[in-house]
C-alpha atoms as a PDB file:
ATOM      1  CA  MET A   1      -6.486 -29.155  15.136  1.00  0.00           C
ATOM      2  CA  SER A   2      -5.376 -32.681  14.314  1.00  0.00           C
ATOM      3  CA  GLY A   3      -3.987 -34.697  17.173  1.00  0.00           C
ATOM      4  CA  SER A   4      -1.132 -37.233  16.968  1.00  0.00           C
ATOM      5  CA  GLY A   5      -3.782 -40.069  17.257  1.00  0.00           C
ATOM      6  CA  GLY A   6      -5.495 -39.048  13.991  1.00  0.00           C
ATOM      7  CA  TYR A   7      -8.489 -37.326  15.711  1.00  0.00           C
ATOM      8  CA  THR A   8      -9.642 -33.837  14.685  1.00  0.00           C
ATOM      9  CA  ALA A   9     -10.669 -31.300  17.201  1.00  0.00           C
ATOM     10  CA  GLY A  10     -12.521 -28.520  15.471  1.00  0.00           C
ATOM     11  CA  THR A  11     -16.039 -27.090  15.392  1.00  0.00           C
ATOM     12  CA  GLU A  12     -16.788 -28.778  11.968  1.00  0.00           C
ATOM     13  CA  ALA A  13     -15.476 -32.138  13.103  1.00  0.00           C
ATOM     14  CA  ILE A  14     -17.438 -31.930  16.384  1.00  0.00           C
ATOM     15  CA  ALA A  15     -20.640 -30.938  14.534  1.00  0.00           C
ATOM     16  CA  THR A  16     -20.216 -33.754  12.098  1.00  0.00           C
ATOM     17  CA  ALA A  17     -19.705 -36.325  14.875  1.00  0.00           C
ATOM     18  CA  SER A  18     -22.698 -35.021  16.727  1.00  0.00           C
ATOM     19  CA  LYS A  19     -24.906 -35.163  13.643  1.00  0.00           C
ATOM     20  CA  ASN A  20     -23.697 -38.762  12.783  1.00  0.00           C
ATOM     21  CA  ILE A  21     -24.115 -40.035  16.276  1.00  0.00           C
ATOM     22  CA  THR A  22     -27.569 -38.492  16.601  1.00  0.00           C
ATOM     23  CA  GLN A  23     -28.518 -40.119  13.258  1.00  0.00           C
ATOM     24  CA  TYR A  24     -27.231 -43.548  14.415  1.00  0.00           C
ATOM     25  CA  SER A  25     -29.537 -43.343  17.465  1.00  0.00           C
ATOM     26  CA  LYS A  26     -32.488 -42.583  15.248  1.00  0.00           C
ATOM     27  CA  ASP A  27     -31.619 -45.344  12.710  1.00  0.00           C
ATOM     28  CA  LEU A  28     -31.059 -47.938  15.465  1.00  0.00           C
ATOM     29  CA  LEU A  29     -34.662 -48.190  16.472  1.00  0.00           C
ATOM     30  CA  ASP A  30     -36.027 -47.454  12.984  1.00  0.00           C
ATOM     31  CA  ALA A  31     -34.015 -50.448  11.666  1.00  0.00           C
ATOM     32  CA  ASN A  32     -35.299 -52.738  14.553  1.00  0.00           C
ATOM     33  CA  PRO A  33     -38.948 -51.702  14.974  1.00  0.00           C
ATOM     34  CA  ASP A  34     -40.133 -55.149  16.187  1.00  0.00           C
ATOM     35  CA  LEU A  35     -37.217 -56.139  18.321  1.00  0.00           C
ATOM     36  CA  ALA A  36     -39.339 -56.146  21.416  1.00  0.00           C
ATOM     37  CA  THR A  37     -41.952 -58.276  19.729  1.00  0.00           C
ATOM     38  CA  THR A  38     -40.634 -61.690  18.930  1.00  0.00           C
ATOM     39  CA  LEU A  39     -42.420 -63.859  16.301  1.00  0.00           C
ATOM     40  CA  VAL A  40     -41.768 -66.980  18.414  1.00  0.00           C
ATOM     41  CA  THR A  41     -44.383 -67.389  21.145  1.00  0.00           C
ATOM     42  CA  LYS A  42     -44.463 -69.831  24.036  1.00  0.00           C
ATOM     43  CA  GLU A  43     -46.866 -71.996  21.944  1.00  0.00           C
ATOM     44  CA  GLY A  44     -44.324 -71.993  19.158  1.00  0.00           C
ATOM     45  CA  PHE A  45     -41.938 -73.887  21.370  1.00  0.00           C
ATOM     46  CA  GLY A  46     -44.235 -76.874  21.365  1.00  0.00           C
ATOM     47  CA  LYS A  47     -45.098 -79.342  24.073  1.00  0.00           C
ATOM     48  CA  ALA A  48     -41.554 -80.811  24.297  1.00  0.00           C
ATOM     49  CA  HIS A  49     -39.702 -77.456  24.857  1.00  0.00           C
ATOM     50  CA  GLY A  50     -42.521 -75.346  26.256  1.00  0.00           C
ATOM     51  CA  ASP A  51     -40.682 -74.951  29.550  1.00  0.00           C
ATOM     52  CA  LYS A  52     -37.732 -73.243  27.768  1.00  0.00           C
ATOM     53  CA  ALA A  53     -39.928 -70.507  26.210  1.00  0.00           C
ATOM     54  CA  GLN A  54     -39.771 -68.089  29.144  1.00  0.00           C
ATOM     55  CA  LYS A  55     -36.043 -68.016  29.039  1.00  0.00           C
ATOM     56  CA  TYR A  56     -36.151 -67.205  25.386  1.00  0.00           C
ATOM     57  CA  LEU A  57     -38.839 -64.578  25.768  1.00  0.00           C
ATOM     58  CA  ASP A  58     -36.942 -63.014  28.715  1.00  0.00           C
ATOM     59  CA  GLY A  59     -33.737 -63.061  26.684  1.00  0.00           C
ATOM     60  CA  ALA A  60     -35.598 -61.266  23.733  1.00  0.00           C
ATOM     61  CA  LYS A  61     -36.865 -58.622  26.205  1.00  0.00           C
ATOM     62  CA  ALA A  62     -33.442 -58.080  27.738  1.00  0.00           C
ATOM     63  CA  LEU A  63     -32.064 -57.663  24.247  1.00  0.00           C
ATOM     64  CA  SER A  64     -34.786 -55.154  23.389  1.00  0.00           C
ATOM     65  CA  ASP A  65     -34.164 -53.182  26.645  1.00  0.00           C
ATOM     66  CA  ALA A  66     -30.392 -53.165  25.947  1.00  0.00           C
ATOM     67  CA  VAL A  67     -30.902 -51.799  22.447  1.00  0.00           C
ATOM     68  CA  THR A  68     -33.310 -49.160  23.726  1.00  0.00           C
ATOM     69  CA  GLY A  69     -30.908 -48.178  26.488  1.00  0.00           C
ATOM     70  CA  TYR A  70     -28.025 -47.959  24.071  1.00  0.00           C
ATOM     71  CA  ASN A  71     -30.289 -45.796  21.772  1.00  0.00           C
ATOM     72  CA  SER A  72     -30.917 -43.453  24.600  1.00  0.00           C
ATOM     73  CA  THR A  73     -27.384 -43.344  25.479  1.00  0.00           C
ATOM     74  CA  LEU A  74     -26.360 -42.527  21.779  1.00  0.00           C
ATOM     75  CA  ALA A  75     -28.965 -39.771  21.645  1.00  0.00           C
ATOM     76  CA  THR A  76     -27.775 -38.215  24.938  1.00  0.00           C
ATOM     77  CA  PHE A  77     -24.028 -38.414  23.764  1.00  0.00           C
ATOM     78  CA  GLY A  78     -25.000 -36.739  20.437  1.00  0.00           C
ATOM     79  CA  SER A  79     -26.694 -33.974  22.181  1.00  0.00           C
ATOM     80  CA  SER A  80     -23.820 -33.524  24.651  1.00  0.00           C
ATOM     81  CA  LEU A  81     -21.390 -33.437  21.788  1.00  0.00           C
ATOM     82  CA  GLU A  82     -23.392 -30.815  20.009  1.00  0.00           C
ATOM     83  CA  SER A  83     -23.310 -28.696  23.128  1.00  0.00           C
ATOM     84  CA  ALA A  84     -19.673 -29.219  23.683  1.00  0.00           C
ATOM     85  CA  GLY A  85     -19.090 -28.247  19.998  1.00  0.00           C
ATOM     86  CA  SER A  86     -20.960 -25.029  20.527  1.00  0.00           C
ATOM     87  CA  LYS A  87     -18.823 -24.109  23.566  1.00  0.00           C
ATOM     88  CA  TYR A  88     -15.679 -25.034  21.610  1.00  0.00           C
ATOM     89  CA  ALA A  89     -16.737 -22.623  18.955  1.00  0.00           C
ATOM     90  CA  ILE A  90     -17.374 -19.888  21.375  1.00  0.00           C
ATOM     91  CA  ASN A  91     -13.986 -20.431  23.065  1.00  0.00           C
ATOM     92  CA  GLU A  92     -12.281 -20.592  19.610  1.00  0.00           C
ATOM     93  CA  ASP A  93     -13.765 -17.246  18.627  1.00  0.00           C
ATOM     94  CA  ASP A  94     -12.866 -15.729  21.995  1.00  0.00           C
ATOM     95  CA  GLN A  95      -9.178 -16.986  21.771  1.00  0.00           C
ATOM     96  CA  TYR A  96      -9.011 -15.606  18.067  1.00  0.00           C
ATOM     97  CA  GLY A  97     -10.149 -12.271  19.345  1.00  0.00           C
ATOM     98  CA  GLN A  98      -7.670 -12.250  22.150  1.00  0.00           C
ATOM     99  CA  ILE A  99      -4.810 -13.193  19.950  1.00  0.00           C
ATOM    100  CA  ASN A 100      -5.777 -10.854  17.208  1.00  0.00           C
ATOM    101  CA  GLY A 101      -6.160  -8.039  19.810  1.00  0.00           C
ATOM    102  CA  ALA A 102      -2.756  -8.783  21.309  1.00  0.00           C
ATOM    103  CA  GLY A 103      -1.217  -8.667  17.884  1.00  0.00           C
ATOM    104  CA  GLY A 104      -2.637  -5.297  17.340  1.00  0.00           C
ATOM    105  CA  GLU A 105      -0.907  -3.946  20.391  1.00  0.00           C
ATOM    106  CA  LEU A 106       2.620  -4.779  19.147  1.00  0.00           C
END
């Protein structure tokens, strides 16, 4: 079923979206394996800027934590979408059966 906003609500569309979102979550961390480990260390800031290193390192850690959290959210959403798609398919089959059965009674 295609809505006026251009979206499609159907078992195939839901399954495709779930598959894509789940893959995005897998790719996110695979594409950024060393995000939590910055190559710049406190020593790398040198004597003149060493006092700024902790803010940088804290920022890198916060970014890494945010990406990890986003990854978890994507994976959960993909799984929820898959579950919703299964329920949608069951309901669609049930509705088809009811409509087909009602037509046979005419």
